[in-house]
Structures are given as C-alpha cells and as structure tokens.
Protein backbone atom coordinates (compact mmCIF):
# COMPACT_ATOMS: atom_id res chain seq x y z
CA UNK A 1 90.55 96.89 133.00
CA UNK A 2 93.69 96.74 130.86
CA UNK A 3 93.55 98.75 127.65
CA UNK A 4 93.99 96.77 124.44
CA UNK A 5 97.14 97.17 122.37
CA UNK A 6 96.22 99.26 119.33
CA UNK A 7 98.06 98.61 116.08
CA UNK A 8 97.77 101.33 113.45
CA UNK A 9 97.95 99.69 110.03
CA UNK A 10 98.52 101.51 106.76
CA UNK A 11 96.98 99.98 103.64
CA UNK A 12 98.79 100.85 100.38
CA UNK A 13 102.23 99.26 100.33
CA UNK A 14 101.57 97.41 103.60
CA UNK A 15 98.40 95.36 103.20
CA UNK A 16 97.73 96.01 99.52
CA UNK A 17 100.25 95.77 96.69
CA UNK A 18 99.72 99.31 95.48
CA UNK A 19 102.80 99.47 93.25
CA UNK A 20 101.93 96.35 91.29
CA UNK A 21 98.30 97.26 90.68
CA UNK A 22 99.14 100.87 89.78
CA UNK A 23 101.86 99.61 87.42
CA UNK A 24 99.40 97.37 85.57
CA UNK A 25 96.97 100.27 85.22
CA UNK A 26 99.67 102.68 84.08
CA UNK A 27 100.89 100.18 81.51
CA UNK A 28 97.35 99.87 80.13
CA UNK A 29 96.90 103.65 80.00
CA UNK A 30 100.21 104.18 78.26
CA UNK A 31 99.97 101.07 76.07
CA UNK A 32 103.35 99.72 77.24
CA UNK A 33 104.71 96.49 78.68
CA UNK A 34 104.26 96.48 82.49
CA UNK A 35 107.85 95.30 82.83
CA UNK A 36 108.95 98.67 81.47
CA UNK A 37 107.75 100.20 84.74
CA UNK A 38 110.01 98.83 87.47
CA UNK A 39 108.56 97.68 90.76
CA UNK A 40 111.79 98.80 92.42
CA UNK A 41 110.88 102.44 92.33
CA UNK A 42 111.44 105.57 94.39
CA UNK A 43 108.70 107.31 96.38
CA UNK A 44 108.16 109.95 93.67
CA UNK A 45 107.88 107.41 90.80
CA UNK A 46 110.82 109.02 89.01
CA UNK A 47 111.59 105.71 87.33
CA UNK A 48 108.19 105.90 85.67
CA UNK A 49 108.75 109.46 84.45
CA UNK A 50 105.94 110.87 86.59
CA UNK A 51 105.87 114.27 88.24
CA UNK A 52 103.49 115.10 91.09
CA UNK A 53 100.76 116.53 88.83
CA UNK A 54 100.96 113.52 86.49
CA UNK A 55 100.80 111.14 89.41
CA UNK A 56 97.71 112.83 90.83
CA UNK A 57 95.97 112.73 87.43
CA UNK A 58 96.84 109.11 86.76
CA UNK A 59 95.93 108.06 90.27
CA UNK A 60 92.55 109.73 89.87
CA UNK A 61 92.02 107.82 86.66
CA UNK A 62 93.16 104.56 88.29
CA UNK A 63 90.67 104.96 91.13
CA UNK A 64 87.71 106.12 89.04
CA UNK A 65 88.10 104.17 85.79
CA UNK A 66 90.03 101.08 86.91
CA UNK A 67 88.63 100.59 90.44
CA UNK A 68 92.19 100.38 91.74
CA UNK A 69 91.22 100.55 95.42
CA UNK A 70 88.76 97.67 94.99
CA UNK A 71 91.00 95.44 92.83
CA UNK A 72 94.42 95.84 94.44
CA UNK A 73 96.03 92.49 95.33
CA UNK A 74 96.66 91.74 99.00
CA UNK A 75 100.24 91.12 100.07
CA UNK A 76 101.00 87.56 101.09
CA UNK A 77 100.16 86.77 104.67
CA UNK A 78 98.49 90.10 105.51
CA UNK A 79 94.94 88.88 106.18
CA UNK A 80 95.95 85.73 108.06
CA UNK A 81 98.44 87.63 110.25
CA UNK A 82 95.93 90.34 111.09
CA UNK A 83 93.39 87.69 112.09
CA UNK A 84 95.89 85.99 114.39
CA UNK A 85 96.79 89.29 115.99
CA UNK A 86 93.10 90.23 116.35
CA UNK A 87 92.24 86.94 117.97
CA UNK A 88 95.17 87.41 120.32
CA UNK A 89 93.69 90.70 121.55
CA UNK A 90 95.28 93.32 119.29
CA UNK A 91 92.97 96.15 118.27
CA UNK A 92 93.44 96.66 114.50
CA UNK A 93 93.05 100.27 113.50
CA UNK A 94 93.29 100.85 109.72
CA UNK A 95 94.75 104.30 109.01
CA UNK A 96 94.93 105.37 105.39
CA UNK A 97 95.46 108.62 103.50
CA UNK A 98 93.36 107.64 100.46
CA UNK A 99 91.51 110.94 100.55
CA UNK A 100 94.62 112.99 99.92
CA UNK A 101 93.08 115.05 97.10
CA UNK A 102 89.64 116.60 96.71
CA UNK A 103 87.99 114.16 94.39
CA UNK A 104 86.50 110.67 94.35
CA UNK A 105 86.14 110.56 98.16
CA UNK A 106 82.86 108.57 98.12
CA UNK A 107 84.27 105.98 95.73
CA UNK A 108 87.56 105.74 97.66
CA UNK A 109 85.69 105.05 100.91
CA UNK A 110 83.26 102.57 99.36
CA UNK A 111 85.96 100.70 97.40
CA UNK A 112 88.21 100.52 100.46
CA UNK A 113 85.49 99.05 102.67
CA UNK A 114 84.49 96.64 99.92
CA UNK A 115 88.09 95.56 99.41
CA UNK A 116 88.65 94.95 103.14
CA UNK A 117 85.51 92.84 103.39
CA UNK A 118 86.19 90.96 100.18
CA UNK A 119 89.61 89.85 101.45
CA UNK A 120 88.34 89.19 105.01
CA UNK A 121 90.75 91.69 106.58
CA UNK A 122 89.75 92.30 110.20
CA UNK A 123 89.67 95.75 111.73
CA UNK A 124 87.99 97.66 114.57
CA UNK A 125 88.41 101.16 113.17
CA UNK A 126 88.82 102.52 109.67
CA UNK A 127 90.33 106.02 109.66
CA UNK A 128 90.80 108.19 106.56
CA UNK A 129 93.26 110.84 107.68
CA UNK A 130 96.32 112.66 106.41
CA UNK A 131 97.89 113.49 109.78
CA UNK A 132 98.57 110.08 111.22
CA UNK A 133 100.10 111.25 114.52
CA UNK A 134 96.63 112.53 115.42
CA UNK A 135 95.26 108.95 115.41
CA UNK A 136 96.29 107.25 118.61
CA UNK A 137 97.89 103.78 118.56
CA UNK A 138 100.50 101.92 120.55
CA UNK A 139 102.42 101.03 117.43
CA UNK A 140 102.12 101.74 113.72
CA UNK A 141 103.18 99.89 110.59
CA UNK A 142 103.75 102.07 107.55
CA UNK A 143 105.78 102.19 104.37
CA UNK A 144 105.70 105.93 103.54
CA UNK A 145 108.96 107.64 104.59
CA UNK A 146 107.31 110.95 105.53
CA UNK A 147 104.71 109.22 107.67
CA UNK A 148 107.31 107.13 109.44
CA UNK A 149 109.47 110.18 110.22
CA UNK A 150 106.51 112.25 111.49
CA UNK A 151 105.18 109.43 113.64
CA UNK A 152 108.59 108.81 115.16
CA UNK A 153 109.17 112.51 115.74
CA UNK A 154 105.95 112.47 117.76
CA UNK A 155 107.40 109.68 119.95
CA UNK A 156 105.58 106.72 118.39
CA UNK A 157 106.81 103.22 117.74
CA UNK A 158 106.71 102.65 113.97
CA UNK A 159 107.50 99.40 112.19
CA UNK A 160 108.83 100.06 108.70
CA UNK A 161 107.21 97.75 106.17
CA UNK A 162 110.04 97.21 103.71
CA UNK A 163 109.74 98.85 100.33
CA UNK A 164 112.43 100.12 97.93
CA UNK A 165 111.69 103.75 98.77
CA UNK A 166 112.15 103.45 102.56
CA UNK A 167 115.36 101.47 102.90
CA UNK A 168 117.33 104.42 104.24
CA UNK A 169 115.19 104.43 107.41
CA UNK A 170 116.20 102.69 110.61
CA UNK A 171 114.25 99.74 112.00
CA UNK A 172 112.37 98.01 113.38
CA UNK A 173 111.74 96.77 109.88
CA UNK A 174 109.53 93.94 108.57
CA UNK A 175 110.31 92.40 105.19
CA UNK A 176 107.18 90.23 105.36
CA UNK A 177 103.99 89.82 107.36
CA UNK A 178 105.61 86.91 109.21
CA UNK A 179 108.34 89.23 110.42
CA UNK A 180 105.82 91.91 111.27
CA UNK A 181 103.85 89.46 113.41
CA UNK A 182 106.95 88.65 115.49
CA UNK A 183 107.71 92.34 116.07
CA UNK A 184 104.13 93.11 117.08
CA UNK A 185 103.91 90.09 119.40
CA UNK A 186 107.03 91.26 121.18
CA UNK A 187 105.65 94.77 121.50
CA UNK A 188 102.33 93.49 122.85
CA UNK A 189 104.11 91.26 125.38
CA UNK A 190 106.10 94.26 126.59
CA UNK A 191 102.95 96.35 126.76
CA UNK A 192 100.67 93.92 128.60
CA UNK A 193 102.85 90.99 129.66
CA UNK A 194 100.77 88.48 127.71
CA UNK A 195 98.18 87.97 124.99
CA UNK A 196 94.49 87.76 125.88
CA UNK A 197 92.24 85.17 124.28
CA UNK A 198 90.13 88.03 122.95
CA UNK A 199 89.69 91.71 123.60
CA UNK A 200 88.60 92.39 127.20
CA UNK A 201 84.91 93.32 127.39
CA UNK A 202 84.30 92.75 123.70
CA UNK A 203 81.72 90.15 122.82
CA UNK A 204 83.14 87.73 120.22
CA UNK A 205 80.04 88.23 118.06
CA UNK A 206 80.74 91.94 117.65
CA UNK A 207 80.95 93.32 114.10
CA UNK A 208 84.47 93.25 112.64
CA UNK A 209 85.90 90.55 114.91
CA UNK A 210 84.01 87.26 115.05
CA UNK A 211 85.63 84.48 117.02
CA UNK A 212 87.63 82.32 114.67
CA UNK A 213 86.91 78.61 114.69
CA UNK A 214 89.03 75.84 113.17
CA UNK A 215 88.72 76.06 109.42
CA UNK A 216 86.11 73.65 108.03
CA UNK A 217 87.22 71.00 105.59
CA UNK A 218 87.37 72.36 102.07
CA UNK A 219 85.50 70.30 99.47
CA UNK A 220 87.90 68.20 97.41
CA UNK A 221 87.82 67.94 93.62
CA UNK A 222 85.80 70.30 91.42
CA UNK A 223 83.49 72.54 93.44
CA UNK A 224 79.84 71.76 92.77
CA UNK A 225 77.15 74.40 92.87
CA UNK A 226 75.60 72.86 95.94
CA UNK A 227 78.93 72.73 97.69
CA UNK A 228 79.45 76.40 96.82
CA UNK A 229 76.12 77.27 98.40
CA UNK A 230 77.19 75.55 101.59
CA UNK A 231 80.60 77.27 101.56
CA UNK A 232 79.03 80.70 101.05
CA UNK A 233 76.48 80.06 103.79
CA UNK A 234 79.13 78.82 106.22
CA UNK A 235 81.42 81.74 105.42
CA UNK A 236 79.02 84.71 105.14
CA UNK A 237 75.66 83.46 106.35
CA UNK A 238 75.49 85.52 109.54
CA UNK A 239 76.68 88.67 107.84
CA UNK A 240 74.28 88.13 104.88
CA UNK A 241 71.34 87.75 107.26
CA UNK A 242 72.23 91.03 108.96
CA UNK A 243 72.63 92.81 105.61
CA UNK A 244 69.33 91.70 104.12
CA UNK A 245 68.24 90.87 100.58
CA UNK A 246 67.86 94.43 99.31
CA UNK A 247 71.47 95.33 100.19
CA UNK A 248 72.75 92.09 98.65
CA UNK A 249 70.96 92.97 95.39
CA UNK A 250 72.76 96.33 95.45
CA UNK A 251 76.10 94.57 95.97
CA UNK A 252 75.34 92.18 93.10
CA UNK A 253 74.57 95.14 90.81
CA UNK A 254 77.92 96.68 91.75
CA UNK A 255 79.70 93.42 91.00
CA UNK A 256 78.08 93.34 87.55
CA UNK A 257 79.51 96.81 86.98
CA UNK A 258 82.97 95.65 88.02
CA UNK A 259 82.66 92.63 85.70
CA UNK A 260 81.72 94.89 82.80
CA UNK A 261 84.70 97.10 83.57
CA UNK A 262 87.02 94.10 83.67
CA UNK A 263 85.73 92.75 80.36
CA UNK A 264 86.27 96.14 78.73
CA UNK A 265 89.64 97.05 80.21
CA UNK A 266 90.96 94.32 82.49
CA UNK A 267 93.19 91.30 82.10
CA UNK A 268 91.98 87.73 81.81
CA UNK A 269 92.75 87.33 85.53
CA UNK A 270 90.65 90.40 86.30
CA UNK A 271 87.70 88.98 84.31
CA UNK A 272 88.02 85.60 86.04
CA UNK A 273 88.09 87.33 89.45
CA UNK A 274 84.98 89.41 88.73
CA UNK A 275 83.03 86.39 87.37
CA UNK A 276 83.71 84.59 90.63
CA UNK A 277 82.45 87.57 92.64
CA UNK A 278 79.25 87.79 90.56
CA UNK A 279 78.57 84.06 91.02
CA UNK A 280 79.27 84.35 94.75
CA UNK A 281 76.72 87.14 95.15
CA UNK A 282 74.14 85.21 93.09
CA UNK A 283 74.70 82.28 95.47
CA UNK A 284 74.33 84.65 98.45
CA UNK A 285 70.94 85.81 97.19
CA UNK A 286 69.85 82.21 96.58
CA UNK A 287 70.79 81.30 100.14
CA UNK A 288 68.96 84.35 101.50
CA UNK A 289 65.81 83.47 99.59
CA UNK A 290 65.94 79.71 100.22
CA UNK A 291 66.63 78.66 96.63
CA UNK A 292 68.57 75.47 95.86
CA UNK A 293 70.39 76.52 92.70
CA UNK A 294 71.21 72.97 91.67
CA UNK A 295 67.51 72.17 91.61
CA UNK A 296 66.62 75.52 90.01
CA UNK A 297 69.03 74.89 87.11
CA UNK A 298 67.57 71.46 86.35
CA UNK A 299 65.27 73.22 83.89
CA UNK A 300 68.35 73.72 81.64
CA UNK A 301 69.48 70.08 81.79
CA UNK A 302 68.06 69.18 78.37
CA UNK A 303 68.89 72.47 76.76
CA UNK A 304 66.50 75.36 76.21
CA UNK A 305 63.78 75.27 78.89
CA UNK A 306 61.25 76.73 76.40
CA UNK A 307 61.68 74.54 73.34
CA UNK A 308 63.48 71.64 75.07
CA UNK A 309 66.08 71.54 72.28
CA UNK A 310 69.84 71.93 72.14
CA UNK A 311 70.81 73.99 70.21
CA UNK A 312 67.81 76.20 70.91
CA UNK A 313 65.13 76.28 68.16
CA UNK A 314 63.18 79.21 69.54
CA UNK A 315 62.61 82.09 67.10
CA UNK A 316 65.35 84.68 67.35
CA UNK A 317 64.38 87.91 69.07
C-alpha cells in the first residue's frame, strides 16, 4: 500500500496571523496605537523595541491574559486549502513550537486545539515540538528562518511561507495559500504520481477528516434562530453527539469566560466574535437536548414572562 504524502504545517505565521494578533495585544498593553507597531518586522521584533526577555514576558501575558492562541485570526485561504489537500489524500501534520518556554503549557495546548476546531482546520496529527527535523514529513511549510534552515540542512523539502523576516531565504516560496497549494500538489504528484480520492485505508468517517460534501445552501437574508439551529446541527451534529452534553456544557462555560475577557479587554470585534460563539454553544446544547429555541423563547414574546408586562413591573431584586 502506498504511503500517504505527509505535509508538516507550522501554525504561527503560516496558518494563523500571529504578528497581527500579537501587535493588537501589545498595543493594548502599552496603551499605544497599533499602527505604531509595524507589521513589516524582523524576526527579533527589533522594530517594536523588544529584546528576548521582554518578548518572552509579553508573549506569556498575551497567551494567559489575552487568550492569543485561541483568538488569533486565520490567514486567508488556509482552512479551505488544507481541506482540499486533505480530501486529495495529503496527511496534514500540524507541527508547532508553542511550548517553547516552561509555562502555560496546558493552556497553550487547549487553546490551540480549540482554535483549530473553531476554524475547522483539518489535521491528522498535532505535534508540539521544538526540534522539527525529528518529526517526519515529506514536505514542510514554515515561516521561521531557523526552522527552515535546520529542516533543509537535514535534507527536507521546505516551502517558505512568505513573511518579512524570511525574505533572504531561497525558495520554494509561497506568498499565499493559493500558491502553497500549487507547490504541494506538484510535490505530491512527483511523490505518488497522482492524487487519491481519500487516504488509502482510512475510513472517511474517521476523526479529523470527514468526507467533504458539496456545501449546503446558506440561508438568505437575516438568520433566524430556527435556521441557526439547523445550520449548527448540519455542521456539528455528529461531533456534538460524540462529545455529549456534559462536555458541551464545559465548552459553553469556557466561552462565557472568553466573552467576559473580551468585554473587559477586547475590541468591539472581539466582543462580537465571542457573543457569536456563546450563542452557537447554547444552540448546540439545545440541539443535543431536543429543545426548539424559537418555541422556548415564545414565553418572552409579550415581555416579562412573569408579569407579562413590557417594561417589566416585577419588584426589583
């Protein structure tokens, strides 16, 4: 049986927009305009006046107090491209060095897994390692200059994901996920001669790589609550059933914590994002317990369900 083509994928600076999210957090910590911290920066953040110790301290704060690893934006095209590659038979192996210092390991792991699931990023393996050459793959995509050099020195194919701090390195280089897809497809074709419809010997219902079906029609106009329940069920129903109600309650509690954090310290976009996640998890629990939320909320149609008035006339408590 032919072995699958394994693509080792870095996260920060490749799948997630680490610089942009860290900049927003740094601007909040320092009380400055984010534009004063250039996105075109060197690897050592010299343009932000950070030394290594300062970077480590601020990064710790960003992870612990700002949930950076759970709230980082995804670079355009990353999730869709990885799904197409996965469905074509490429084994996606996430390789990240997010445990590079001895603190916040549990949170880094939890937030990373949550972030990957939240953005529907497919993967077969999730590896937290510092020495990437020890993790086998047929090709790697990375942005960190030292990782790229070490991987290449070990004889590996490495695709440079373009960032300001790696432009002195030779290609192959991808300036976008569309370009990356073309490079990987060529490498896979050279490796195996063709793409398979799915990974050999892997049942399409396996965790991490469900068979993709044509996208269902998205409801037009404003999304109603009943439509949202259908969308959530269609999108996550199988996974929710496997997880169970108790675990979903735990996820909802975590989302309330992220919402509180966003209200205290986040931007308006952050607050909007976290509200949507809280509502989505409430809908998930309603679906799991057989509750029609549109019907359940009818009791509020006329105002207060206790006194039947709007504004409420119940005694203040």
